[in-house]
Amino acid sequence: IVVPDQRDVDSLEAQLKKVVGPRQISTLTSAQ
C-alpha cells in the first residue's frame, strides 16, 4: 500500500493494528 505522506501512513497503520499485530506491519518511509 502506497500513500502520499506520513499522516496517511500513520492513519493506515492505526487501522491495521486493529486486526493484526504491530510487528506484522512493515512501514517504509523517508523518516526512518
PDB file of all heavy atoms in Angstrom:
ATOM      1  N   ILE A   1       0.855  -1.184   0.000  1.00  0.00           N
ATOM      2  CA  ILE A   1       0.000   0.000   0.000  1.00  0.00           C
ATOM      3  C   ILE A   1       0.890   1.233   0.000  1.00  0.00           C
ATOM      4  O   ILE A   1       1.739   1.396   0.882  1.00  0.00           O
ATOM      5  CB  ILE A   1      -0.926   0.024   1.233  1.00  0.00           C
ATOM      6  CG1 ILE A   1      -1.695  -1.305   1.346  1.00  0.00           C
ATOM      7  CG2 ILE A   1      -1.900   1.186   1.152  1.00  0.00           C
ATOM      8  CD1 ILE A   1      -2.248  -1.566   2.721  1.00  0.00           C
ATOM      9  N   VAL A   2       0.691   2.110  -0.979  1.00  0.00           N
ATOM     10  CA  VAL A   2       1.495   3.329  -1.117  1.00  0.00           C
ATOM     11  C   VAL A   2       0.578   4.532  -0.932  1.00  0.00           C
ATOM     12  O   VAL A   2      -0.476   4.634  -1.567  1.00  0.00           O
ATOM     13  CB  VAL A   2       2.183   3.390  -2.492  1.00  0.00           C
ATOM     14  CG1 VAL A   2       3.006   4.667  -2.630  1.00  0.00           C
ATOM     15  CG2 VAL A   2       3.068   2.165  -2.690  1.00  0.00           C
ATOM     16  N   VAL A   3       0.996   5.454  -0.060  1.00  0.00           N
ATOM     17  CA  VAL A   3       0.222   6.659   0.247  1.00  0.00           C
ATOM     18  C   VAL A   3       1.136   7.869   0.124  1.00  0.00           C
ATOM     19  O   VAL A   3       2.365   7.746   0.114  1.00  0.00           O
ATOM     20  CB  VAL A   3      -0.389   6.578   1.662  1.00  0.00           C
ATOM     21  CG1 VAL A   3      -1.447   5.480   1.731  1.00  0.00           C
ATOM     22  CG2 VAL A   3       0.692   6.340   2.720  1.00  0.00           C
ATOM     23  N   PRO A   4       0.568   9.091   0.049  1.00  0.00           N
ATOM     24  CA  PRO A   4       1.412  10.259  -0.235  1.00  0.00           C
ATOM     25  C   PRO A   4       2.320  10.707   0.898  1.00  0.00           C
ATOM     26  O   PRO A   4       3.410  11.211   0.648  1.00  0.00           O
ATOM     27  CB  PRO A   4       0.384  11.362  -0.568  1.00  0.00           C
ATOM     28  CG  PRO A   4      -0.861  10.642  -0.935  1.00  0.00           C
ATOM     29  CD  PRO A   4      -0.864   9.400  -0.100  1.00  0.00           C
ATOM     30  N   ASP A   5       1.891  10.584   2.158  1.00  0.00           N
ATOM     31  CA  ASP A   5       2.690  11.196   3.226  1.00  0.00           C
ATOM     32  C   ASP A   5       2.594  10.402   4.526  1.00  0.00           C
ATOM     33  O   ASP A   5       1.862   9.421   4.638  1.00  0.00           O
ATOM     34  CB  ASP A   5       2.270  12.656   3.458  1.00  0.00           C
ATOM     35  CG  ASP A   5       0.773  12.799   3.698  1.00  0.00           C
ATOM     36  OD1 ASP A   5       0.202  11.967   4.414  1.00  0.00           O
ATOM     37  OD2 ASP A   5       0.166  13.742   3.157  1.00  0.00           O
ATOM     38  N   GLN A   6       3.345  10.885   5.520  1.00  0.00           N
ATOM     39  CA  GLN A   6       3.432  10.192   6.802  1.00  0.00           C
ATOM     40  C   GLN A   6       2.097  10.167   7.523  1.00  0.00           C
ATOM     41  O   GLN A   6       1.776   9.193   8.227  1.00  0.00           O
ATOM     42  CB  GLN A   6       4.492  10.876   7.680  1.00  0.00           C
ATOM     43  CG  GLN A   6       4.768  10.165   8.992  1.00  0.00           C
ATOM     44  CD  GLN A   6       5.407   8.801   8.802  1.00  0.00           C
ATOM     45  OE1 GLN A   6       6.366   8.669   8.044  1.00  0.00           O
ATOM     46  NE2 GLN A   6       4.901   7.787   9.499  1.00  0.00           N
ATOM     47  N   ARG A   7       1.295  11.218   7.376  1.00  0.00           N
ATOM     48  CA  ARG A   7      -0.015  11.224   8.033  1.00  0.00           C
ATOM     49  C   ARG A   7      -0.866  10.059   7.566  1.00  0.00           C
ATOM     50  O   ARG A   7      -1.545   9.401   8.362  1.00  0.00           O
ATOM     51  CB  ARG A   7      -0.754  12.544   7.742  1.00  0.00           C
ATOM     52  CG  ARG A   7      -0.152  13.772   8.384  1.00  0.00           C
ATOM     53  CD  ARG A   7      -0.953  15.003   8.002  1.00  0.00           C
ATOM     54  NE  ARG A   7      -2.283  14.976   8.590  1.00  0.00           N
ATOM     55  CZ  ARG A   7      -3.282  15.767   8.207  1.00  0.00           C
ATOM     56  NH1 ARG A   7      -3.111  16.603   7.209  1.00  0.00           N
ATOM     57  NH2 ARG A   7      -4.447  15.695   8.802  1.00  0.00           N
ATOM     58  N   ASP A   8      -0.839   9.783   6.273  1.00  0.00           N
ATOM     59  CA  ASP A   8      -1.618   8.670   5.741  1.00  0.00           C
ATOM     60  C   ASP A   8      -1.048   7.329   6.198  1.00  0.00           C
ATOM     61  O   ASP A   8      -1.795   6.378   6.453  1.00  0.00           O
ATOM     62  CB  ASP A   8      -1.657   8.736   4.217  1.00  0.00           C
ATOM     63  CG  ASP A   8      -2.460   9.914   3.705  1.00  0.00           C
ATOM     64  OD1 ASP A   8      -3.438  10.299   4.369  1.00  0.00           O
ATOM     65  OD2 ASP A   8      -2.102  10.461   2.642  1.00  0.00           O
ATOM     66  N   VAL A   9       0.279   7.238   6.293  1.00  0.00           N
ATOM     67  CA  VAL A   9       0.902   6.020   6.810  1.00  0.00           C
ATOM     68  C   VAL A   9       0.428   5.760   8.234  1.00  0.00           C
ATOM     69  O   VAL A   9       0.046   4.638   8.591  1.00  0.00           O
ATOM     70  CB  VAL A   9       2.441   6.120   6.761  1.00  0.00           C
ATOM     71  CG1 VAL A   9       3.085   4.943   7.496  1.00  0.00           C
ATOM     72  CG2 VAL A   9       2.924   6.156   5.325  1.00  0.00           C
ATOM     73  N   ASP A  10       0.447   6.806   9.059  1.00  0.00           N
ATOM     74  CA  ASP A  10       0.025   6.659  10.460  1.00  0.00           C
ATOM     75  C   ASP A  10      -1.445   6.265  10.554  1.00  0.00           C
ATOM     76  O   ASP A  10      -1.822   5.424  11.382  1.00  0.00           O
ATOM     77  CB  ASP A  10       0.260   7.972  11.215  1.00  0.00           C
ATOM     78  CG  ASP A  10       1.734   8.328  11.320  1.00  0.00           C
ATOM     79  OD1 ASP A  10       2.572   7.418  11.154  1.00  0.00           O
ATOM     80  OD2 ASP A  10       2.042   9.513  11.550  1.00  0.00           O
ATOM     81  N   SER A  11      -2.281   6.870   9.715  1.00  0.00           N
ATOM     82  CA  SER A  11      -3.710   6.561   9.733  1.00  0.00           C
ATOM     83  C   SER A  11      -3.957   5.101   9.360  1.00  0.00           C
ATOM     84  O   SER A  11      -4.740   4.393  10.015  1.00  0.00           O
ATOM     85  CB  SER A  11      -4.452   7.485   8.769  1.00  0.00           C
ATOM     86  OG  SER A  11      -5.822   7.164   8.698  1.00  0.00           O
ATOM     87  N   LEU A  12      -3.291   4.637   8.325  1.00  0.00           N
ATOM     88  CA  LEU A  12      -3.475   3.255   7.884  1.00  0.00           C
ATOM     89  C   LEU A  12      -2.891   2.267   8.892  1.00  0.00           C
ATOM     90  O   LEU A  12      -3.481   1.214   9.169  1.00  0.00           O
ATOM     91  CB  LEU A  12      -2.820   3.066   6.516  1.00  0.00           C
ATOM     92  CG  LEU A  12      -3.017   1.707   5.842  1.00  0.00           C
ATOM     93  CD1 LEU A  12      -4.493   1.379   5.702  1.00  0.00           C
ATOM     94  CD2 LEU A  12      -2.350   1.706   4.479  1.00  0.00           C
ATOM     95  N   GLU A  13      -1.749   2.623   9.453  1.00  0.00           N
ATOM     96  CA  GLU A  13      -1.128   1.740  10.445  1.00  0.00           C
ATOM     97  C   GLU A  13      -2.034   1.568  11.661  1.00  0.00           C
ATOM     98  O   GLU A  13      -2.163   0.468  12.211  1.00  0.00           O
ATOM     99  CB  GLU A  13       0.239   2.294  10.861  1.00  0.00           C
ATOM    100  CG  GLU A  13       1.047   1.353  11.730  1.00  0.00           C
ATOM    101  CD  GLU A  13       2.432   1.885  12.047  1.00  0.00           C
ATOM    102  OE1 GLU A  13       2.679   3.082  11.816  1.00  0.00           O
ATOM    103  OE2 GLU A  13       3.257   1.106  12.536  1.00  0.00           O
ATOM    104  N   ALA A  14      -2.697   2.659  12.076  1.00  0.00           N
ATOM    105  CA  ALA A  14      -3.618   2.577  13.208  1.00  0.00           C
ATOM    106  C   ALA A  14      -4.779   1.633  12.915  1.00  0.00           C
ATOM    107  O   ALA A  14      -5.215   0.868  13.790  1.00  0.00           O
ATOM    108  CB  ALA A  14      -4.140   3.973  13.558  1.00  0.00           C
ATOM    109  N   GLN A  15      -5.291   1.661  11.692  1.00  0.00           N
ATOM    110  CA  GLN A  15      -6.384   0.759  11.325  1.00  0.00           C
ATOM    111  C   GLN A  15      -5.902  -0.690  11.227  1.00  0.00           C
ATOM    112  O   GLN A  15      -6.610  -1.622  11.620  1.00  0.00           O
ATOM    113  CB  GLN A  15      -6.988   1.199   9.989  1.00  0.00           C
ATOM    114  CG  GLN A  15      -7.740   2.523  10.051  1.00  0.00           C
ATOM    115  CD  GLN A  15      -8.948   2.455  10.970  1.00  0.00           C
ATOM    116  OE1 GLN A  15      -9.678   1.468  11.002  1.00  0.00           O
ATOM    117  NE2 GLN A  15      -9.160   3.519  11.727  1.00  0.00           N
ATOM    118  N   LEU A  16      -4.701  -0.886  10.719  1.00  0.00           N
ATOM    119  CA  LEU A  16      -4.170  -2.247  10.606  1.00  0.00           C
ATOM    120  C   LEU A  16      -3.956  -2.884  11.974  1.00  0.00           C
ATOM    121  O   LEU A  16      -4.165  -4.098  12.151  1.00  0.00           O
ATOM    122  CB  LEU A  16      -2.858  -2.232   9.824  1.00  0.00           C
ATOM    123  CG  LEU A  16      -2.965  -2.101   8.308  1.00  0.00           C
ATOM    124  CD1 LEU A  16      -1.612  -1.758   7.699  1.00  0.00           C
ATOM    125  CD2 LEU A  16      -3.503  -3.399   7.694  1.00  0.00           C
ATOM    126  N   LYS A  17      -3.564  -2.076  12.946  1.00  0.00           N
ATOM    127  CA  LYS A  17      -3.308  -2.611  14.287  1.00  0.00           C
ATOM    128  C   LYS A  17      -4.572  -3.134  14.961  1.00  0.00           C
ATOM    129  O   LYS A  17      -4.487  -3.851  15.965  1.00  0.00           O
ATOM    130  CB  LYS A  17      -2.653  -1.541  15.158  1.00  0.00           C
ATOM    131  CG  LYS A  17      -1.201  -1.273  14.806  1.00  0.00           C
ATOM    132  CD  LYS A  17      -0.601  -0.184  15.675  1.00  0.00           C
ATOM    133  CE  LYS A  17       0.857   0.057  15.313  1.00  0.00           C
ATOM    134  NZ  LYS A  17       1.451   1.165  16.117  1.00  0.00           N
ATOM    135  N   LYS A  18      -5.727  -2.786  14.409  1.00  0.00           N
ATOM    136  CA  LYS A  18      -6.982  -3.311  14.963  1.00  0.00           C
ATOM    137  C   LYS A  18      -7.219  -4.765  14.569  1.00  0.00           C
ATOM    138  O   LYS A  18      -8.026  -5.451  15.202  1.00  0.00           O
ATOM    139  CB  LYS A  18      -8.153  -2.450  14.494  1.00  0.00           C
ATOM    140  CG  LYS A  18      -8.124  -1.008  15.008  1.00  0.00           C
ATOM    141  CD  LYS A  18      -9.303  -0.217  14.485  1.00  0.00           C
ATOM    142  CE  LYS A  18      -9.273   1.217  14.990  1.00  0.00           C
ATOM    143  NZ  LYS A  18     -10.424   2.017  14.486  1.00  0.00           N
ATOM    144  N   VAL A  19      -6.526  -5.229  13.515  1.00  0.00           N
ATOM    145  CA  VAL A  19      -6.762  -6.596  13.032  1.00  0.00           C
ATOM    146  C   VAL A  19      -5.503  -7.455  13.008  1.00  0.00           C
ATOM    147  O   VAL A  19      -5.599  -8.682  12.969  1.00  0.00           O
ATOM    148  CB  VAL A  19      -7.409  -6.577  11.623  1.00  0.00           C
ATOM    149  CG1 VAL A  19      -8.849  -6.137  11.707  1.00  0.00           C
ATOM    150  CG2 VAL A  19      -6.632  -5.687  10.663  1.00  0.00           C
ATOM    151  N   VAL A  20      -4.314  -6.833  13.001  1.00  0.00           N
ATOM    152  CA  VAL A  20      -3.069  -7.615  13.018  1.00  0.00           C
ATOM    153  C   VAL A  20      -2.148  -7.045  14.089  1.00  0.00           C
ATOM    154  O   VAL A  20      -2.343  -5.922  14.578  1.00  0.00           O
ATOM    155  CB  VAL A  20      -2.352  -7.600  11.645  1.00  0.00           C
ATOM    156  CG1 VAL A  20      -3.231  -8.202  10.577  1.00  0.00           C
ATOM    157  CG2 VAL A  20      -1.931  -6.189  11.264  1.00  0.00           C
ATOM    158  N   GLY A  21      -1.143  -7.805  14.442  1.00  0.00           N
ATOM    159  CA  GLY A  21      -0.190  -7.349  15.440  1.00  0.00           C
ATOM    160  C   GLY A  21       0.725  -6.265  14.899  1.00  0.00           C
ATOM    161  O   GLY A  21       0.993  -6.211  13.690  1.00  0.00           O
ATOM    162  N   PRO A  22       1.250  -5.392  15.779  1.00  0.00           N
ATOM    163  CA  PRO A  22       2.125  -4.299  15.320  1.00  0.00           C
ATOM    164  C   PRO A  22       3.342  -4.785  14.541  1.00  0.00           C
ATOM    165  O   PRO A  22       3.765  -4.145  13.581  1.00  0.00           O
ATOM    166  CB  PRO A  22       2.539  -3.616  16.629  1.00  0.00           C
ATOM    167  CG  PRO A  22       1.468  -3.969  17.606  1.00  0.00           C
ATOM    168  CD  PRO A  22       0.995  -5.339  17.220  1.00  0.00           C
ATOM    169  N   ARG A  23       3.898  -5.930  14.911  1.00  0.00           N
ATOM    170  CA  ARG A  23       5.087  -6.445  14.226  1.00  0.00           C
ATOM    171  C   ARG A  23       4.745  -7.074  12.884  1.00  0.00           C
ATOM    172  O   ARG A  23       5.646  -7.395  12.099  1.00  0.00           O
ATOM    173  CB  ARG A  23       5.807  -7.465  15.106  1.00  0.00           C
ATOM    174  CG  ARG A  23       6.402  -6.884  16.384  1.00  0.00           C
ATOM    175  CD  ARG A  23       7.116  -7.959  17.172  1.00  0.00           C
ATOM    176  NE  ARG A  23       8.222  -8.541  16.429  1.00  0.00           N
ATOM    177  CZ  ARG A  23       8.726  -9.745  16.659  1.00  0.00           C
ATOM    178  NH1 ARG A  23       8.188 -10.533  17.596  1.00  0.00           N
ATOM    179  NH2 ARG A  23       9.745 -10.206  15.947  1.00  0.00           N
ATOM    180  N   GLN A  24       3.453  -7.259  12.622  1.00  0.00           N
ATOM    181  CA  GLN A  24       3.039  -7.814  11.342  1.00  0.00           C
ATOM    182  C   GLN A  24       2.841  -6.731  10.283  1.00  0.00           C
ATOM    183  O   GLN A  24       2.436  -7.030   9.166  1.00  0.00           O
ATOM    184  CB  GLN A  24       1.747  -8.618  11.531  1.00  0.00           C
ATOM    185  CG  GLN A  24       1.947  -9.884  12.352  1.00  0.00           C
ATOM    186  CD  GLN A  24       0.641 -10.620  12.592  1.00  0.00           C
ATOM    187  OE1 GLN A  24      -0.364 -10.031  12.993  1.00  0.00           O
ATOM    188  NE2 GLN A  24       0.649 -11.918  12.346  1.00  0.00           N
ATOM    189  N   ILE A  25       3.121  -5.496  10.660  1.00  0.00           N
ATOM    190  CA  ILE A  25       3.014  -4.358   9.736  1.00  0.00           C
ATOM    191  C   ILE A  25       4.413  -3.822   9.483  1.00  0.00           C
ATOM    192  O   ILE A  25       5.150  -3.515  10.424  1.00  0.00           O
ATOM    193  CB  ILE A  25       2.136  -3.235  10.328  1.00  0.00           C
ATOM    194  CG1 ILE A  25       0.788  -3.795  10.783  1.00  0.00           C
ATOM    195  CG2 ILE A  25       1.933  -2.116   9.317  1.00  0.00           C
ATOM    196  CD1 ILE A  25       0.031  -2.851  11.694  1.00  0.00           C
ATOM    197  N   SER A  26       4.790  -3.698   8.238  1.00  0.00           N
ATOM    198  CA  SER A  26       6.095  -3.135   7.883  1.00  0.00           C
ATOM    199  C   SER A  26       5.877  -1.804   7.168  1.00  0.00           C
ATOM    200  O   SER A  26       5.167  -1.749   6.163  1.00  0.00           O
ATOM    201  CB  SER A  26       6.876  -4.087   6.964  1.00  0.00           C
ATOM    202  OG  SER A  26       7.163  -5.290   7.634  1.00  0.00           O
ATOM    203  N   THR A  27       6.488  -0.753   7.698  1.00  0.00           N
ATOM    204  CA  THR A  27       6.373   0.566   7.073  1.00  0.00           C
ATOM    205  C   THR A  27       7.704   0.954   6.442  1.00  0.00           C
ATOM    206  O   THR A  27       8.775   0.647   6.973  1.00  0.00           O
ATOM    207  CB  THR A  27       5.964   1.636   8.102  1.00  0.00           C
ATOM    208  OG1 THR A  27       6.916   1.675   9.172  1.00  0.00           O
ATOM    209  CG2 THR A  27       4.584   1.331   8.675  1.00  0.00           C
ATOM    210  N   LEU A  28       7.617   1.632   5.308  1.00  0.00           N
ATOM    211  CA  LEU A  28       8.806   2.116   4.594  1.00  0.00           C
ATOM    212  C   LEU A  28       8.595   3.583   4.262  1.00  0.00           C
ATOM    213  O   LEU A  28       7.798   3.920   3.376  1.00  0.00           O
ATOM    214  CB  LEU A  28       9.027   1.318   3.312  1.00  0.00           C
ATOM    215  CG  LEU A  28       9.704  -0.044   3.418  1.00  0.00           C
ATOM    216  CD1 LEU A  28       9.659  -0.763   2.081  1.00  0.00           C
ATOM    217  CD2 LEU A  28      11.150   0.106   3.875  1.00  0.00           C
ATOM    218  N   THR A  29       9.287   4.465   4.971  1.00  0.00           N
ATOM    219  CA  THR A  29       9.151   5.902   4.735  1.00  0.00           C
ATOM    220  C   THR A  29      10.517   6.570   4.815  1.00  0.00           C
ATOM    221  O   THR A  29      11.480   6.005   5.343  1.00  0.00           O
ATOM    222  CB  THR A  29       8.217   6.564   5.769  1.00  0.00           C
ATOM    223  OG1 THR A  29       8.851   6.563   7.053  1.00  0.00           O
ATOM    224  CG2 THR A  29       6.896   5.812   5.878  1.00  0.00           C
ATOM    225  N   SER A  30      10.584   7.793   4.312  1.00  0.00           N
ATOM    226  CA  SER A  30      11.841   8.547   4.338  1.00  0.00           C
ATOM    227  C   SER A  30      12.208   8.999   5.742  1.00  0.00           C
ATOM    228  O   SER A  30      13.357   9.379   5.995  1.00  0.00           O
ATOM    229  CB  SER A  30      11.729   9.775   3.426  1.00  0.00           C
ATOM    230  OG  SER A  30      10.661  10.610   3.838  1.00  0.00           O
ATOM    231  N   ALA A  31      11.244   8.980   6.678  1.00  0.00           N
ATOM    232  CA  ALA A  31      11.521   9.414   8.044  1.00  0.00           C
ATOM    233  C   ALA A  31      12.333   8.389   8.819  1.00  0.00           C
ATOM    234  O   ALA A  31      12.888   8.704   9.875  1.00  0.00           O
ATOM    235  CB  ALA A  31      10.204   9.710   8.772  1.00  0.00           C
ATOM    236  N   GLN A  32      12.413   7.166   8.323  1.00  0.00           N
ATOM    237  CA  GLN A  32      13.145   6.116   9.027  1.00  0.00           C
ATOM    238  C   GLN A  32      14.645   6.239   8.783  1.00  0.00           C
ATOM    239  O   GLN A  32      15.085   6.750   7.758  1.00  0.00           O
ATOM    240  CB  GLN A  32      12.652   4.743   8.557  1.00  0.00           C
ATOM    241  CG  GLN A  32      11.203   4.461   8.905  1.00  0.00           C
ATOM    242  CD  GLN A  32      10.648   3.276   8.152  1.00  0.00           C
ATOM    243  OE1 GLN A  32      11.171   2.880   7.113  1.00  0.00           O
ATOM    244  NE2 GLN A  32       9.574   2.699   8.669  1.00  0.00           N
TER     245      GLN A  32
END
